Amino acid sequence: MSSAAPEQKARDTYDAFAGSYDEFNHAYMYERWTGRLLERAQANGLEGNRLLDVGCGTGLSFTPMLERGWRVTGCDISPQMLEKARAKVGEEVELSVADMRELPLFGEFDLIWAVNDAMNYLLSVEDFESALRGMRRNLAPTGRIVFDVNTLTAYRRFWSGEHVVESGDKRFLWRGGKAEEVASSGFYEARFGGDGEAHVHRQRHFPPAEVLAAIEAADLRCLDLAAEADGDLYDELDENFHTKSVYVCGVA
């Protein structure tokens, strides 16, 4: 087993994944999903148009926001993912390499989000809290933070077993663990790749009690907890049915 630090493993995984990331996610409805998240944040008092996208990857989660008139800053731990994003938007978006556990001060933002399970790549409660504190430092006084985390159902359904995704002439294979071994606060690993390459993905499950405690420890207040299924948001979370939990936070 590699002795590399978790942040190096995450960087290496996504640097290797960068070339095929958009193709793998071609069926994901980012415009619809980001619209749902934006509506939820606005229902909880969001105003303004300055977005910090933490773990922005190739820009799939912020390009719909540009089309909605938002001013965007993005950061990611993977330089190669950011290169893909930069090729799409040029100088329109300020993009920086950053570890979400040690976010620098980028400015003051009305909305900060870390979406599409970026927070699950943090492998401890301490790292989770550090990421939230960094977001808190970049948040405008009346701003909102939105992030999602995978549920137990996501690990049983998507992170377990083998799944094949095809895009054009490319074929991607996902190999995960066993569904019956999924447990709260557990660690999960899967190998994913195509065309002879494989990337190792490592995540941790964070149950609502741990997330809510981390929010409080970061001097934030949870304004809303929503549940996701098939791209829609619902008011009551069931970890054994929904695939993501979505949190909206403000300054405590």
C-alpha atoms as a PDB file:
ATOM      1  CA  MET A   1       0.000   0.000   0.000  1.00  0.00           C
ATOM      2  CA  SER A   2       1.231   3.497  -0.866  1.00  0.00           C
ATOM      3  CA  SER A   3       2.622   5.570   1.982  1.00  0.00           C
ATOM      4  CA  ALA A   4       1.683   8.838   0.253  1.00  0.00           C
ATOM      5  CA  ALA A   5      -0.270  11.369   2.319  1.00  0.00           C
ATOM      6  CA  PRO A   6      -4.056  11.515   1.687  1.00  0.00           C
ATOM      7  CA  GLU A   7      -3.814  14.881  -0.054  1.00  0.00           C
ATOM      8  CA  GLN A   8      -1.144  13.539  -2.415  1.00  0.00           C
ATOM      9  CA  LYS A   9      -3.304  10.489  -3.165  1.00  0.00           C
ATOM     10  CA  ALA A  10      -6.290  12.706  -3.964  1.00  0.00           C
ATOM     11  CA  ARG A  11      -4.170  14.948  -6.182  1.00  0.00           C
ATOM     12  CA  ASP A  12      -2.665  11.992  -8.029  1.00  0.00           C
ATOM     13  CA  THR A  13      -6.082  10.376  -8.503  1.00  0.00           C
ATOM     14  CA  TYR A  14      -7.646  13.454 -10.029  1.00  0.00           C
ATOM     15  CA  ASP A  15      -4.603  14.413 -12.066  1.00  0.00           C
ATOM     16  CA  ALA A  16      -4.871  10.958 -13.656  1.00  0.00           C
ATOM     17  CA  PHE A  17      -8.662  11.261 -13.967  1.00  0.00           C
ATOM     18  CA  ALA A  18      -8.620  14.735 -15.564  1.00  0.00           C
ATOM     19  CA  GLY A  19      -8.360  13.562 -19.158  1.00  0.00           C
ATOM     20  CA  SER A  20     -11.551  11.483 -19.004  1.00  0.00           C
ATOM     21  CA  TYR A  21     -13.510  13.186 -16.200  1.00  0.00           C
ATOM     22  CA  ASP A  22     -15.944  15.086 -18.413  1.00  0.00           C
ATOM     23  CA  GLU A  23     -16.616  12.047 -20.589  1.00  0.00           C
ATOM     24  CA  PHE A  24     -17.303   9.886 -17.525  1.00  0.00           C
ATOM     25  CA  ASN A  25     -19.742  12.500 -16.212  1.00  0.00           C
ATOM     26  CA  HIS A  26     -21.355  13.262 -19.580  1.00  0.00           C
ATOM     27  CA  ALA A  27     -24.799  12.076 -18.451  1.00  0.00           C
ATOM     28  CA  TYR A  28     -24.827  14.099 -15.212  1.00  0.00           C
ATOM     29  CA  MET A  29     -27.253  17.041 -15.452  1.00  0.00           C
ATOM     30  CA  TYR A  30     -25.087  19.781 -13.926  1.00  0.00           C
ATOM     31  CA  GLU A  31     -27.292  22.668 -15.033  1.00  0.00           C
ATOM     32  CA  ARG A  32     -30.320  21.071 -13.381  1.00  0.00           C
ATOM     33  CA  TRP A  33     -28.425  19.981 -10.244  1.00  0.00           C
ATOM     34  CA  THR A  34     -26.736  23.340  -9.663  1.00  0.00           C
ATOM     35  CA  GLY A  35     -30.093  25.016 -10.254  1.00  0.00           C
ATOM     36  CA  ARG A  36     -31.640  22.900  -7.491  1.00  0.00           C
ATOM     37  CA  LEU A  37     -28.798  23.825  -5.110  1.00  0.00           C
ATOM     38  CA  LEU A  38     -29.074  27.508  -5.974  1.00  0.00           C
ATOM     39  CA  GLU A  39     -32.836  27.479  -5.373  1.00  0.00           C
ATOM     40  CA  ARG A  40     -32.299  25.855  -1.969  1.00  0.00           C
ATOM     41  CA  ALA A  41     -29.700  28.439  -0.967  1.00  0.00           C
ATOM     42  CA  GLN A  42     -31.934  31.309  -2.130  1.00  0.00           C
ATOM     43  CA  ALA A  43     -34.832  29.878  -0.124  1.00  0.00           C
ATOM     44  CA  ASN A  44     -32.513  30.197   2.888  1.00  0.00           C
ATOM     45  CA  GLY A  45     -31.620  33.846   2.372  1.00  0.00           C
ATOM     46  CA  LEU A  46     -28.900  33.797  -0.308  1.00  0.00           C
ATOM     47  CA  GLU A  47     -28.359  37.117  -2.079  1.00  0.00           C
ATOM     48  CA  GLY A  48     -25.596  38.348  -4.382  1.00  0.00           C
ATOM     49  CA  ASN A  49     -23.642  36.801  -7.245  1.00  0.00           C
ATOM     50  CA  ARG A  50     -20.122  35.968  -6.039  1.00  0.00           C
ATOM     51  CA  LEU A  51     -19.343  32.240  -5.961  1.00  0.00           C
ATOM     52  CA  LEU A  52     -16.349  30.340  -4.611  1.00  0.00           C
ATOM     53  CA  ASP A  53     -16.408  26.776  -5.962  1.00  0.00           C
ATOM     54  CA  VAL A  54     -14.269  24.569  -3.689  1.00  0.00           C
ATOM     55  CA  GLY A  55     -13.130  21.382  -5.396  1.00  0.00           C
ATOM     56  CA  CYS A  56     -14.295  22.785  -8.730  1.00  0.00           C
ATOM     57  CA  GLY A  57     -12.547  20.139 -10.855  1.00  0.00           C
ATOM     58  CA  THR A  58     -12.948  20.722 -14.586  1.00  0.00           C
ATOM     59  CA  GLY A  59     -15.587  23.394 -14.030  1.00  0.00           C
ATOM     60  CA  LEU A  60     -18.725  21.329 -14.572  1.00  0.00           C
ATOM     61  CA  SER A  61     -20.274  22.754 -11.391  1.00  0.00           C
ATOM     62  CA  PHE A  62     -19.476  26.414 -12.063  1.00  0.00           C
ATOM     63  CA  THR A  63     -20.024  26.832 -15.818  1.00  0.00           C
ATOM     64  CA  PRO A  64     -23.836  26.853 -15.360  1.00  0.00           C
ATOM     65  CA  MET A  65     -23.355  29.606 -12.774  1.00  0.00           C
ATOM     66  CA  LEU A  66     -21.423  31.741 -15.259  1.00  0.00           C
ATOM     67  CA  GLU A  67     -24.357  31.423 -17.620  1.00  0.00           C
ATOM     68  CA  ARG A  68     -26.595  32.648 -14.781  1.00  0.00           C
ATOM     69  CA  GLY A  69     -24.461  35.791 -14.428  1.00  0.00           C
ATOM     70  CA  TRP A  70     -22.391  34.792 -11.391  1.00  0.00           C
ATOM     71  CA  ARG A  71     -18.817  35.963 -10.806  1.00  0.00           C
ATOM     72  CA  VAL A  72     -16.830  32.807 -10.057  1.00  0.00           C
ATOM     73  CA  THR A  73     -13.590  31.864  -8.337  1.00  0.00           C
ATOM     74  CA  GLY A  74     -12.610  28.202  -8.299  1.00  0.00           C
ATOM     75  CA  CYS A  75     -10.021  26.051  -6.555  1.00  0.00           C
ATOM     76  CA  ASP A  76      -9.054  22.399  -6.632  1.00  0.00           C
ATOM     77  CA  ILE A  77      -6.243  20.201  -5.342  1.00  0.00           C
ATOM     78  CA  SER A  78      -5.548  18.855  -8.860  1.00  0.00           C
ATOM     79  CA  PRO A  79      -3.570  21.066 -11.279  1.00  0.00           C
ATOM     80  CA  GLN A  80      -4.593  18.869 -14.199  1.00  0.00           C
ATOM     81  CA  MET A  81      -8.289  19.235 -13.437  1.00  0.00           C
ATOM     82  CA  LEU A  82      -7.843  23.006 -13.284  1.00  0.00           C
ATOM     83  CA  GLU A  83      -6.093  22.987 -16.654  1.00  0.00           C
ATOM     84  CA  LYS A  84      -9.187  21.380 -18.144  1.00  0.00           C
ATOM     85  CA  ALA A  85     -11.346  24.056 -16.499  1.00  0.00           C
ATOM     86  CA  ARG A  86      -9.062  26.844 -17.723  1.00  0.00           C
ATOM     87  CA  ALA A  87      -9.312  25.583 -21.286  1.00  0.00           C
ATOM     88  CA  LYS A  88     -13.092  26.115 -21.089  1.00  0.00           C
ATOM     89  CA  VAL A  89     -13.261  29.547 -19.471  1.00  0.00           C
ATOM     90  CA  GLY A  90      -9.893  31.214 -20.092  1.00  0.00           C
ATOM     91  CA  GLU A  91      -9.411  34.209 -17.824  1.00  0.00           C
ATOM     92  CA  GLU A  92     -13.099  34.618 -17.034  1.00  0.00           C
ATOM     93  CA  VAL A  93     -12.661  32.622 -13.799  1.00  0.00           C
ATOM     94  CA  GLU A  94      -9.834  32.916 -11.285  1.00  0.00           C
ATOM     95  CA  LEU A  95      -8.580  29.370 -10.715  1.00  0.00           C
ATOM     96  CA  SER A  96      -6.109  28.312  -8.027  1.00  0.00           C
ATOM     97  CA  VAL A  97      -4.562  25.083  -6.774  1.00  0.00           C
ATOM     98  CA  ALA A  98      -5.570  24.703  -3.125  1.00  0.00           C
ATOM     99  CA  ASP A  99      -6.095  22.014  -0.495  1.00  0.00           C
ATOM    100  CA  MET A 100      -9.624  22.490   0.829  1.00  0.00           C
ATOM    101  CA  ARG A 101      -8.409  21.756   4.374  1.00  0.00           C
ATOM    102  CA  GLU A 102      -6.148  24.820   4.195  1.00  0.00           C
ATOM    103  CA  LEU A 103      -8.070  27.302   2.067  1.00  0.00           C
ATOM    104  CA  PRO A 104      -6.337  30.654   1.559  1.00  0.00           C
ATOM    105  CA  LEU A 105      -8.296  33.904   1.627  1.00  0.00           C
ATOM    106  CA  PHE A 106      -9.647  34.337  -1.882  1.00  0.00           C
ATOM    107  CA  GLY A 107     -12.015  37.169  -1.028  1.00  0.00           C
ATOM    108  CA  GLU A 108     -15.531  37.608   0.316  1.00  0.00           C
ATOM    109  CA  PHE A 109     -18.223  35.482  -1.318  1.00  0.00           C
ATOM    110  CA  ASP A 110     -22.004  35.396  -1.232  1.00  0.00           C
ATOM    111  CA  LEU A 111     -22.070  31.666  -1.983  1.00  0.00           C
ATOM    112  CA  ILE A 112     -19.410  29.040  -1.313  1.00  0.00           C
ATOM    113  CA  TRP A 113     -20.037  25.494  -2.322  1.00  0.00           C
ATOM    114  CA  ALA A 114     -18.274  22.138  -2.359  1.00  0.00           C
ATOM    115  CA  VAL A 115     -20.506  19.811  -4.346  1.00  0.00           C
ATOM    116  CA  ASN A 116     -20.554  16.360  -5.944  1.00  0.00           C
ATOM    117  CA  ASP A 117     -19.096  14.620  -2.853  1.00  0.00           C
ATOM    118  CA  ALA A 118     -15.891  16.680  -2.618  1.00  0.00           C
ATOM    119  CA  MET A 119     -16.236  16.702   1.183  1.00  0.00           C
ATOM    120  CA  ASN A 120     -16.231  12.892   1.332  1.00  0.00           C
ATOM    121  CA  TYR A 121     -12.601  12.841   0.176  1.00  0.00           C
ATOM    122  CA  LEU A 122     -11.724  14.321   3.573  1.00  0.00           C
ATOM    123  CA  LEU A 123     -10.879  11.304   5.705  1.00  0.00           C
ATOM    124  CA  SER A 124     -11.376  12.651   9.222  1.00  0.00           C
ATOM    125  CA  VAL A 125     -13.759  14.845  11.185  1.00  0.00           C
ATOM    126  CA  GLU A 126     -10.829  17.197  11.895  1.00  0.00           C
ATOM    127  CA  ASP A 127     -10.204  17.704   8.171  1.00  0.00           C
ATOM    128  CA  PHE A 128     -13.923  18.228   7.610  1.00  0.00           C
ATOM    129  CA  GLU A 129     -13.964  20.960  10.250  1.00  0.00           C
ATOM    130  CA  SER A 130     -10.822  22.570   8.781  1.00  0.00           C
ATOM    131  CA  ALA A 131     -12.449  22.771   5.367  1.00  0.00           C
ATOM    132  CA  LEU A 132     -15.545  24.420   6.824  1.00  0.00           C
ATOM    133  CA  ARG A 133     -13.434  26.919   8.782  1.00  0.00           C
ATOM    134  CA  GLY A 134     -11.646  27.884   5.570  1.00  0.00           C
ATOM    135  CA  MET A 135     -14.957  28.447   3.843  1.00  0.00           C
ATOM    136  CA  ARG A 136     -16.183  30.455   6.836  1.00  0.00           C
ATOM    137  CA  ARG A 137     -13.173  32.788   6.486  1.00  0.00           C
ATOM    138  CA  ASN A 138     -14.081  33.477   2.855  1.00  0.00           C
ATOM    139  CA  LEU A 139     -17.799  33.985   3.483  1.00  0.00           C
ATOM    140  CA  ALA A 140     -19.528  37.366   3.329  1.00  0.00           C
ATOM    141  CA  PRO A 141     -21.399  38.215   6.561  1.00  0.00           C
ATOM    142  CA  THR A 142     -24.752  37.342   4.981  1.00  0.00           C
ATOM    143  CA  GLY A 143     -23.350  34.627   2.686  1.00  0.00           C
ATOM    144  CA  ARG A 144     -24.310  30.978   2.440  1.00  0.00           C
ATOM    145  CA  ILE A 145     -22.275  27.760   2.281  1.00  0.00           C
ATOM    146  CA  VAL A 146     -23.694  24.740   0.454  1.00  0.00           C
ATOM    147  CA  PHE A 147     -22.129  21.290   0.409  1.00  0.00           C
ATOM    148  CA  ASP A 148     -23.244  17.718  -0.093  1.00  0.00           C
ATOM    149  CA  VAL A 149     -22.060  14.392   1.300  1.00  0.00           C
ATOM    150  CA  ASN A 150     -22.767  10.845   0.206  1.00  0.00           C
ATOM    151  CA  THR A 151     -25.205   8.744   2.223  1.00  0.00           C
ATOM    152  CA  LEU A 152     -25.026   5.071   3.148  1.00  0.00           C
ATOM    153  CA  THR A 153     -27.238   4.360   0.133  1.00  0.00           C
ATOM    154  CA  ALA A 154     -24.662   5.960  -2.177  1.00  0.00           C
ATOM    155  CA  TYR A 155     -21.965   3.653  -0.844  1.00  0.00           C
ATOM    156  CA  ARG A 156     -24.195   0.607  -1.070  1.00  0.00           C
ATOM    157  CA  ARG A 157     -25.451   1.410  -4.550  1.00  0.00           C
ATOM    158  CA  PHE A 158     -22.700   3.250  -6.428  1.00  0.00           C
ATOM    159  CA  TRP A 159     -19.528   2.523  -4.459  1.00  0.00           C
ATOM    160  CA  SER A 160     -20.101  -1.215  -4.232  1.00  0.00           C
ATOM    161  CA  GLY A 161     -19.683  -3.900  -6.864  1.00  0.00           C
ATOM    162  CA  GLU A 162     -18.801  -3.275 -10.508  1.00  0.00           C
ATOM    163  CA  HIS A 163     -20.342  -0.698 -12.832  1.00  0.00           C
ATOM    164  CA  VAL A 164     -19.641   0.009 -16.504  1.00  0.00           C
ATOM    165  CA  VAL A 165     -20.111   3.471 -18.027  1.00  0.00           C
ATOM    166  CA  GLU A 166     -19.791   4.020 -21.763  1.00  0.00           C
ATOM    167  CA  SER A 167     -19.249   7.359 -23.500  1.00  0.00           C
ATOM    168  CA  GLY A 168     -18.745   7.327 -27.231  1.00  0.00           C
ATOM    169  CA  ASP A 169     -15.981   4.846 -27.944  1.00  0.00           C
ATOM    170  CA  LYS A 170     -14.722   4.870 -24.336  1.00  0.00           C
ATOM    171  CA  ARG A 171     -15.628   2.337 -21.674  1.00  0.00           C
ATOM    172  CA  PHE A 172     -15.093   2.974 -17.959  1.00  0.00           C
ATOM    173  CA  LEU A 173     -15.132   0.311 -15.251  1.00  0.00           C
ATOM    174  CA  TRP A 174     -15.785   1.020 -11.567  1.00  0.00           C
ATOM    175  CA  ARG A 175     -14.816  -1.645  -9.005  1.00  0.00           C
ATOM    176  CA  GLY A 176     -15.877  -1.053  -5.413  1.00  0.00           C
ATOM    177  CA  GLY A 177     -16.313  -3.039  -2.212  1.00  0.00           C
ATOM    178  CA  LYS A 178     -19.201  -5.128  -0.921  1.00  0.00           C
ATOM    179  CA  ALA A 179     -22.552  -3.512  -0.191  1.00  0.00           C
ATOM    180  CA  GLU A 180     -23.060  -5.569   2.955  1.00  0.00           C
ATOM    181  CA  GLU A 181     -19.884  -4.075   4.469  1.00  0.00           C
ATOM    182  CA  VAL A 182     -21.118  -0.476   4.312  1.00  0.00           C
ATOM    183  CA  ALA A 183     -21.400   1.132   7.758  1.00  0.00           C
ATOM    184  CA  SER A 184     -21.801   4.608   9.208  1.00  0.00           C
ATOM    185  CA  SER A 185     -18.552   6.638   9.411  1.00  0.00           C
ATOM    186  CA  GLY A 186     -16.833   3.938   7.346  1.00  0.00           C
ATOM    187  CA  PHE A 187     -14.034   4.279   4.803  1.00  0.00           C
ATOM    188  CA  TYR A 188     -14.561   3.256   1.184  1.00  0.00           C
ATOM    189  CA  GLU A 189     -12.249   2.601  -1.721  1.00  0.00           C
ATOM    190  CA  ALA A 190     -12.900   1.908  -5.384  1.00  0.00           C
ATOM    191  CA  ARG A 191     -10.781   1.491  -8.481  1.00  0.00           C
ATOM    192  CA  PHE A 192     -11.986   3.252 -11.566  1.00  0.00           C
ATOM    193  CA  GLY A 193     -10.576   3.592 -15.043  1.00  0.00           C
ATOM    194  CA  GLY A 194     -10.728   3.150 -18.760  1.00  0.00           C
ATOM    195  CA  ASP A 195      -8.374   2.433 -21.634  1.00  0.00           C
ATOM    196  CA  GLY A 196      -5.953   0.532 -19.405  1.00  0.00           C
ATOM    197  CA  GLU A 197      -5.675   3.159 -16.633  1.00  0.00           C
ATOM    198  CA  ALA A 198      -7.004   2.914 -13.091  1.00  0.00           C
ATOM    199  CA  HIS A 199      -7.468   5.521 -10.367  1.00  0.00           C
ATOM    200  CA  VAL A 200      -8.014   4.696  -6.710  1.00  0.00           C
ATOM    201  CA  HIS A 201     -10.758   6.714  -5.016  1.00  0.00           C
ATOM    202  CA  ARG A 202     -10.923   6.850  -1.211  1.00  0.00           C
ATOM    203  CA  GLN A 203     -13.772   8.399   0.745  1.00  0.00           C
ATOM    204  CA  ARG A 204     -15.301   8.499   4.211  1.00  0.00           C
ATOM    205  CA  HIS A 205     -18.972   8.499   5.125  1.00  0.00           C
ATOM    206  CA  PHE A 206     -20.058  11.363   7.394  1.00  0.00           C
ATOM    207  CA  PRO A 207     -23.425  10.829   9.140  1.00  0.00           C
ATOM    208  CA  PRO A 208     -25.604  13.876   9.920  1.00  0.00           C
ATOM    209  CA  ALA A 209     -24.604  14.011  13.595  1.00  0.00           C
ATOM    210  CA  GLU A 210     -20.910  14.342  12.689  1.00  0.00           C
ATOM    211  CA  VAL A 211     -21.626  16.923   9.998  1.00  0.00           C
ATOM    212  CA  LEU A 212     -23.796  19.061  12.268  1.00  0.00           C
ATOM    213  CA  ALA A 213     -21.127  18.960  14.989  1.00  0.00           C
ATOM    214  CA  ALA A 214     -18.462  20.023  12.468  1.00  0.00           C
ATOM    215  CA  ILE A 215     -20.659  22.898  11.289  1.00  0.00           C
ATOM    216  CA  GLU A 216     -21.006  24.146  14.869  1.00  0.00           C
ATOM    217  CA  ALA A 217     -17.270  23.711  15.524  1.00  0.00           C
ATOM    218  CA  ALA A 218     -16.536  25.910  12.475  1.00  0.00           C
ATOM    219  CA  ASP A 219     -18.664  28.731  13.975  1.00  0.00           C
ATOM    220  CA  LEU A 220     -21.404  28.176  11.403  1.00  0.00           C
ATOM    221  CA  ARG A 221     -25.131  27.521  11.707  1.00  0.00           C
ATOM    222  CA  CYS A 222     -26.994  24.860   9.746  1.00  0.00           C
ATOM    223  CA  LEU A 223     -29.964  26.578   8.086  1.00  0.00           C
ATOM    224  CA  ASP A 224     -31.240  23.634   6.079  1.00  0.00           C
ATOM    225  CA  LEU A 225     -30.662  19.911   5.624  1.00  0.00           C
ATOM    226  CA  ALA A 226     -32.044  18.478   2.405  1.00  0.00           C
ATOM    227  CA  ALA A 227     -31.977  15.043   0.822  1.00  0.00           C
ATOM    228  CA  GLU A 228     -31.212  14.189  -2.813  1.00  0.00           C
ATOM    229  CA  ALA A 229     -32.635  11.439  -5.007  1.00  0.00           C
ATOM    230  CA  ASP A 230     -32.467  11.393  -8.816  1.00  0.00           C
ATOM    231  CA  GLY A 231     -31.350  15.016  -8.939  1.00  0.00           C
ATOM    232  CA  ASP A 232     -34.221  16.432  -6.873  1.00  0.00           C
ATOM    233  CA  LEU A 233     -34.159  17.729  -3.292  1.00  0.00           C
ATOM    234  CA  TYR A 234     -36.487  16.689  -0.482  1.00  0.00           C
ATOM    235  CA  ASP A 235     -37.040  17.949   3.056  1.00  0.00           C
ATOM    236  CA  GLU A 236     -36.557  14.781   5.112  1.00  0.00           C
ATOM    237  CA  LEU A 237     -33.355  12.752   4.872  1.00  0.00           C
ATOM    238  CA  ASP A 238     -33.419   8.966   4.884  1.00  0.00           C
ATOM    239  CA  GLU A 239     -29.879   7.572   4.621  1.00  0.00           C
ATOM    240  CA  ASN A 240     -31.318   4.258   3.502  1.00  0.00           C
ATOM    241  CA  PHE A 241     -33.130   5.804   0.531  1.00  0.00           C
ATOM    242  CA  HIS A 242     -31.569   9.128  -0.528  1.00  0.00           C
ATOM    243  CA  THR A 243     -28.108   9.229  -2.115  1.00  0.00           C
ATOM    244  CA  LYS A 244     -26.860  12.605  -0.863  1.00  0.00           C
ATOM    245  CA  SER A 245     -27.495  14.928   2.028  1.00  0.00           C
ATOM    246  CA  VAL A 246     -27.237  18.657   1.274  1.00  0.00           C
ATOM    247  CA  TYR A 247     -26.440  21.283   3.897  1.00  0.00           C
ATOM    248  CA  VAL A 248     -26.999  25.043   3.721  1.00  0.00           C
ATOM    249  CA  CYS A 249     -25.068  27.044   6.337  1.00  0.00           C
ATOM    250  CA  GLY A 250     -24.639  30.647   7.412  1.00  0.00           C
ATOM    251  CA  VAL A 251     -22.591  32.516   9.978  1.00  0.00           C
ATOM    252  CA  ALA A 252     -23.490  31.529  13.524  1.00  0.00           C
END
